[in-house]
Amino acid sequence: MKHNRTPSVRTVETIAAISSAIQQSPKKSICPMLSQTSVNAAYFKGQWLNPFEANETKNAAFILETSKRDIIPVPTMHQYDSYFPIGVSEELMASVIELPYAGGDGNELAMFIVLPKQTDNYTLDEMLQRLTPENLKEAKDLVFRKQVALLSLPKFKLQKEFNLVPVLSEMGLKSLFDPLQANFSCLTPILKTSLSSADHKAVIEVNEEGTEAAAATAFLAFRSGRLDPIELRISHPFFYFIYHHDTDSILFMGVVRNPLSD
């Protein structure tokens, strides 16, 4: 049997409708538009435990990891005289900042920002190469509450699309895309049903109120025992993840290389 892998107009329209529904109204039921499309959608909206004041959002410098270390102005949120859990991972050569979300006792959900040391010889990509589940957990557990005289964080909205067919195939799920081997009898009575594609789209937005899906000018060091308030400026590319403490689970993760770019 010839298997046509070219998406039909209906398939394209369906994917576009699902994508639009997820972006425009994540809480709206999208089931009525589905026939034989398998969809897995996750939605998260969190408000900061300590929101940023909108009138304190101003343009600030952000240093790109380009060959010339280009500096661009980006809308940046500012918060003064607050307390945040912060720490340093020597293994990752990075500062770690925890931004808690409101809800419960304030210790349930948080965004962690892992900011690599800013030097000419150390980049975000080099930090990511060092990253493992073990040292990421260690970095998360190293934070402790400290007075922050100034925290500046760029606003950003990122979206990314991925073709998951190669990934799922490498994981041993290649049969899902083969009409002769796939078995979806538990989901549909239609025989010889297989997946023609697997696409993932993620959208995350971080602003003054919180996160919908969220450089230090000097590398933080706390071993000196200083008690002076810290000024923490997130002004170069960083890694972030949204973490659920109760289940020890990472819900979203990503990198910000340019806050103005998708």
Protein backbone atom coordinates (compact mmCIF):
# COMPACT_ATOMS: atom_id res chain seq x y z
CA MET A 1 0.00 0.00 0.00
CA LYS A 2 1.32 3.40 -0.91
CA HIS A 3 1.49 5.65 2.13
CA ASN A 4 1.10 9.32 1.30
CA ARG A 5 3.12 11.42 3.74
CA THR A 6 2.14 14.75 2.20
CA PRO A 7 -0.28 16.54 4.58
CA SER A 8 -3.70 17.18 3.11
CA VAL A 9 -5.32 20.61 3.12
CA ARG A 10 -7.64 19.38 5.88
CA THR A 11 -4.67 18.24 7.97
CA VAL A 12 -2.95 21.59 7.59
CA GLU A 13 -6.16 23.43 8.46
CA THR A 14 -6.70 21.21 11.51
CA ILE A 15 -3.17 21.75 12.80
CA ALA A 16 -3.52 25.50 12.22
CA ALA A 17 -6.86 25.55 14.07
CA ILE A 18 -5.43 23.61 17.01
CA SER A 19 -2.37 25.87 17.13
CA SER A 20 -4.56 28.97 17.03
CA ALA A 21 -6.85 27.63 19.75
CA ILE A 22 -3.93 26.83 22.02
CA GLN A 23 -2.41 30.30 21.59
CA GLN A 24 -5.59 32.35 21.73
CA SER A 25 -7.61 30.49 24.32
CA PRO A 26 -5.72 27.67 26.01
CA LYS A 27 -8.58 26.87 28.36
CA LYS A 28 -11.18 26.51 25.59
CA SER A 29 -12.20 23.00 24.70
CA ILE A 30 -10.76 22.06 21.32
CA CYS A 31 -12.23 18.56 21.14
CA PRO A 32 -15.05 19.43 18.67
CA MET A 33 -12.54 20.22 15.93
CA LEU A 34 -10.81 16.83 16.15
CA SER A 35 -11.57 13.73 14.16
CA GLN A 36 -8.56 11.42 14.01
CA THR A 37 -5.96 13.86 15.26
CA SER A 38 -4.04 12.94 18.39
CA VAL A 39 -3.38 16.03 20.50
CA ASN A 40 -1.51 16.50 23.75
CA ALA A 41 -1.74 20.04 25.09
CA ALA A 42 -0.29 21.48 28.28
CA TYR A 43 -1.20 24.91 29.60
CA PHE A 44 0.36 26.81 32.47
CA LYS A 45 -0.34 30.30 33.75
CA GLY A 46 1.32 31.43 36.93
CA GLN A 47 1.36 34.75 38.74
CA TRP A 48 4.49 35.83 40.55
CA LEU A 49 4.43 35.69 44.34
CA ASN A 50 6.09 39.11 44.12
CA PRO A 51 4.80 40.76 40.91
CA PHE A 52 6.87 43.35 39.07
CA GLU A 53 5.44 46.87 38.82
CA ALA A 54 4.58 47.67 35.20
CA ASN A 55 5.74 51.29 35.58
CA GLU A 56 9.20 50.00 36.50
CA THR A 57 9.61 48.24 33.14
CA LYS A 58 12.20 50.10 31.10
CA ASN A 59 14.62 49.36 28.30
CA ALA A 60 17.91 47.92 29.49
CA ALA A 61 20.97 46.47 27.78
CA PHE A 62 21.05 42.79 26.87
CA ILE A 63 24.33 41.30 25.64
CA LEU A 64 23.96 38.78 22.84
CA GLU A 65 26.38 35.90 22.39
CA THR A 66 27.44 37.05 18.94
CA SER A 67 31.01 37.33 17.74
CA LYS A 68 30.90 41.06 18.44
CA ARG A 69 28.96 40.71 21.70
CA ASP A 70 26.24 42.97 20.31
CA ILE A 71 24.22 44.90 22.87
CA ILE A 72 20.51 45.50 22.28
CA PRO A 73 17.87 47.39 24.33
CA VAL A 74 15.07 45.15 25.59
CA PRO A 75 12.01 45.86 27.81
CA THR A 76 13.23 44.83 31.25
CA MET A 77 11.27 44.43 34.48
CA HIS A 78 12.74 45.79 37.73
CA GLN A 79 12.05 44.92 41.34
CA TYR A 80 13.64 46.64 44.31
CA ASP A 81 14.35 45.59 47.90
CA SER A 82 12.88 42.09 47.79
CA TYR A 83 13.96 38.66 48.96
CA PHE A 84 14.60 35.81 46.53
CA PRO A 85 16.21 32.37 46.86
CA ILE A 86 19.52 32.60 45.01
CA GLY A 87 22.71 30.57 44.84
CA VAL A 88 25.77 29.60 42.84
CA SER A 89 26.59 26.35 41.04
CA GLU A 90 30.34 26.01 40.77
CA GLU A 91 29.99 22.95 38.57
CA LEU A 92 27.85 24.85 36.05
CA MET A 93 29.73 28.12 36.64
CA ALA A 94 26.35 29.81 36.96
CA SER A 95 24.15 31.83 39.24
CA VAL A 96 20.75 30.35 40.12
CA ILE A 97 17.68 32.46 40.92
CA GLU A 98 14.30 31.15 42.04
CA LEU A 99 11.20 33.23 41.27
CA PRO A 100 8.25 31.73 43.19
CA TYR A 101 4.71 31.76 41.86
CA ALA A 102 1.71 32.67 44.00
CA GLY A 103 -0.62 29.92 45.21
CA GLY A 104 -0.65 27.62 48.19
CA ASP A 105 2.10 28.56 50.59
CA GLY A 106 4.19 30.16 47.85
CA ASN A 107 6.55 27.18 47.78
CA GLU A 108 4.71 25.00 45.28
CA LEU A 109 5.73 26.35 41.86
CA ALA A 110 8.68 28.45 40.78
CA MET A 111 10.69 29.53 37.79
CA PHE A 112 14.42 28.92 38.12
CA ILE A 113 16.86 30.97 36.07
CA VAL A 114 20.34 29.56 35.56
CA LEU A 115 22.62 32.36 34.42
CA PRO A 116 26.10 31.37 33.19
CA LYS A 117 29.12 33.33 34.30
CA GLN A 118 29.66 36.11 31.79
CA THR A 119 33.12 35.85 30.30
CA ASP A 120 34.50 35.80 26.77
CA ASN A 121 35.47 32.15 27.21
CA TYR A 122 32.22 30.79 28.68
CA THR A 123 28.87 30.77 26.90
CA LEU A 124 25.36 29.47 27.45
CA ASP A 125 26.02 26.56 25.09
CA GLU A 126 29.10 25.56 27.07
CA MET A 127 27.04 25.59 30.25
CA LEU A 128 24.35 23.48 28.61
CA GLN A 129 26.98 20.90 27.64
CA ARG A 130 27.83 20.55 31.34
CA LEU A 131 24.19 20.26 32.36
CA THR A 132 23.01 16.92 33.76
CA PRO A 133 19.94 15.95 35.81
CA GLU A 134 22.23 15.54 38.81
CA ASN A 135 23.98 18.91 38.73
CA LEU A 136 20.73 20.67 37.81
CA LYS A 137 19.09 19.24 40.94
CA GLU A 138 22.13 20.23 42.97
CA ALA A 139 21.98 23.78 41.58
CA LYS A 140 18.28 24.00 42.46
CA ASP A 141 18.92 22.80 46.00
CA LEU A 142 21.74 25.32 46.56
CA VAL A 143 19.51 28.41 46.61
CA PHE A 144 18.76 30.22 49.83
CA ARG A 145 16.73 33.34 50.56
CA LYS A 146 18.70 36.55 50.37
CA GLN A 147 17.98 40.24 50.18
CA VAL A 148 18.11 41.59 46.62
CA ALA A 149 18.39 45.36 46.25
CA LEU A 150 17.63 45.12 42.53
CA LEU A 151 16.45 42.30 40.29
CA SER A 152 16.12 43.07 36.59
CA LEU A 153 14.62 40.47 34.25
CA PRO A 154 13.85 40.95 30.54
CA LYS A 155 10.31 40.34 29.37
CA PHE A 156 10.15 37.63 26.74
CA LYS A 157 7.79 35.54 24.69
CA LEU A 158 9.13 32.49 22.95
CA GLN A 159 7.55 29.92 20.69
CA LYS A 160 9.08 26.92 19.03
CA GLU A 161 7.89 24.08 16.82
CA PHE A 162 9.50 20.65 16.65
CA ASN A 163 9.05 17.63 14.42
CA LEU A 164 9.04 14.73 16.88
CA VAL A 165 9.09 11.90 14.32
CA PRO A 166 12.90 11.46 14.39
CA VAL A 167 12.96 11.68 18.20
CA LEU A 168 10.16 9.16 18.72
CA SER A 169 11.66 6.84 16.13
CA GLU A 170 15.00 6.87 17.95
CA MET A 171 13.14 6.03 21.17
CA GLY A 172 11.90 2.83 19.55
CA LEU A 173 8.46 4.12 18.53
CA LYS A 174 9.01 4.01 14.79
CA SER A 175 6.09 1.60 14.38
CA LEU A 176 3.65 4.40 15.26
CA PHE A 177 4.29 5.88 11.82
CA ASP A 178 4.05 2.61 9.88
CA PRO A 179 0.48 1.73 8.79
CA LEU A 180 1.44 -1.97 8.67
CA GLN A 181 2.79 -2.07 12.24
CA ALA A 182 0.93 0.61 14.17
CA ASN A 183 -1.76 -0.57 16.57
CA PHE A 184 -4.23 2.04 17.80
CA SER A 185 -7.11 -0.38 18.38
CA CYS A 186 -7.53 0.93 21.93
CA LEU A 187 -8.22 4.43 20.55
CA THR A 188 -10.08 3.89 17.29
CA PRO A 189 -11.94 1.07 15.54
CA ILE A 190 -10.43 2.12 12.21
CA LEU A 191 -7.93 -0.48 11.03
CA LYS A 192 -4.48 0.36 9.72
CA THR A 193 -4.42 3.70 11.51
CA SER A 194 -0.99 5.21 11.90
CA LEU A 195 0.52 8.60 12.64
CA SER A 196 1.69 10.58 9.63
CA SER A 197 3.37 13.25 11.72
CA ALA A 198 4.15 14.28 15.29
CA ASP A 199 4.53 17.97 15.89
CA HIS A 200 5.16 19.81 19.13
CA LYS A 201 4.64 23.53 19.64
CA ALA A 202 5.56 25.37 22.82
CA VAL A 203 4.76 28.97 23.73
CA ILE A 204 5.89 30.75 26.88
CA GLU A 205 5.52 34.38 27.89
CA VAL A 206 7.09 36.09 30.90
CA ASN A 207 5.89 39.53 31.98
CA GLU A 208 5.29 41.67 35.08
CA GLU A 209 2.38 39.55 36.34
CA GLY A 210 4.02 36.17 35.87
CA THR A 211 4.39 33.46 33.28
CA GLU A 212 2.07 32.11 30.65
CA ALA A 213 2.77 28.76 28.84
CA ALA A 214 8.97 33.14 32.28
CA ALA A 215 23.05 39.07 33.36
CA ALA A 216 24.25 39.35 36.40
CA THR A 217 26.88 41.95 35.64
CA ALA A 218 29.19 39.95 37.84
CA PHE A 219 29.24 36.29 38.79
CA LEU A 220 27.56 35.89 42.17
CA ALA A 221 29.66 34.51 44.98
CA PHE A 222 28.41 34.09 48.52
CA ARG A 223 31.37 32.41 50.18
CA SER A 224 32.71 35.74 51.31
CA GLY A 225 29.85 35.93 53.80
CA ARG A 226 28.86 39.42 52.70
CA LEU A 227 25.51 40.59 54.03
CA ASP A 228 25.13 43.52 51.62
CA PRO A 229 22.05 43.44 49.37
CA ILE A 230 22.73 42.14 45.89
CA GLU A 231 22.01 43.76 42.55
CA LEU A 232 21.15 41.03 40.08
CA ARG A 233 20.83 42.00 36.43
CA ILE A 234 19.86 39.21 34.04
CA SER A 235 21.38 40.78 30.98
CA HIS A 236 22.76 37.94 28.86
CA PRO A 237 21.51 34.54 27.57
CA PHE A 238 20.21 32.13 30.22
CA PHE A 239 18.52 28.78 30.82
CA TYR A 240 15.20 28.57 32.70
CA PHE A 241 12.80 25.94 33.93
CA ILE A 242 9.44 25.91 35.71
CA TYR A 243 9.52 23.52 38.65
CA HIS A 244 6.79 21.89 40.75
CA HIS A 245 8.19 21.25 44.22
CA ASP A 246 5.51 18.83 45.45
CA THR A 247 6.09 16.33 42.66
CA ASP A 248 9.77 17.16 42.04
CA SER A 249 8.90 17.75 38.38
CA ILE A 250 10.07 20.15 35.69
CA LEU A 251 7.02 21.35 33.75
CA PHE A 252 8.69 23.57 31.14
CA MET A 253 12.28 24.43 30.27
CA GLY A 254 14.08 26.45 27.65
CA VAL A 255 16.73 29.03 26.87
CA VAL A 256 16.55 32.75 26.16
CA ARG A 257 19.22 33.92 23.74
CA ASN A 258 17.45 37.08 22.58
CA PRO A 259 14.33 38.31 24.45
CA LEU A 260 13.14 40.15 21.34
CA SER A 261 13.23 37.09 19.11
CA ASP A 262 10.89 34.09 18.95
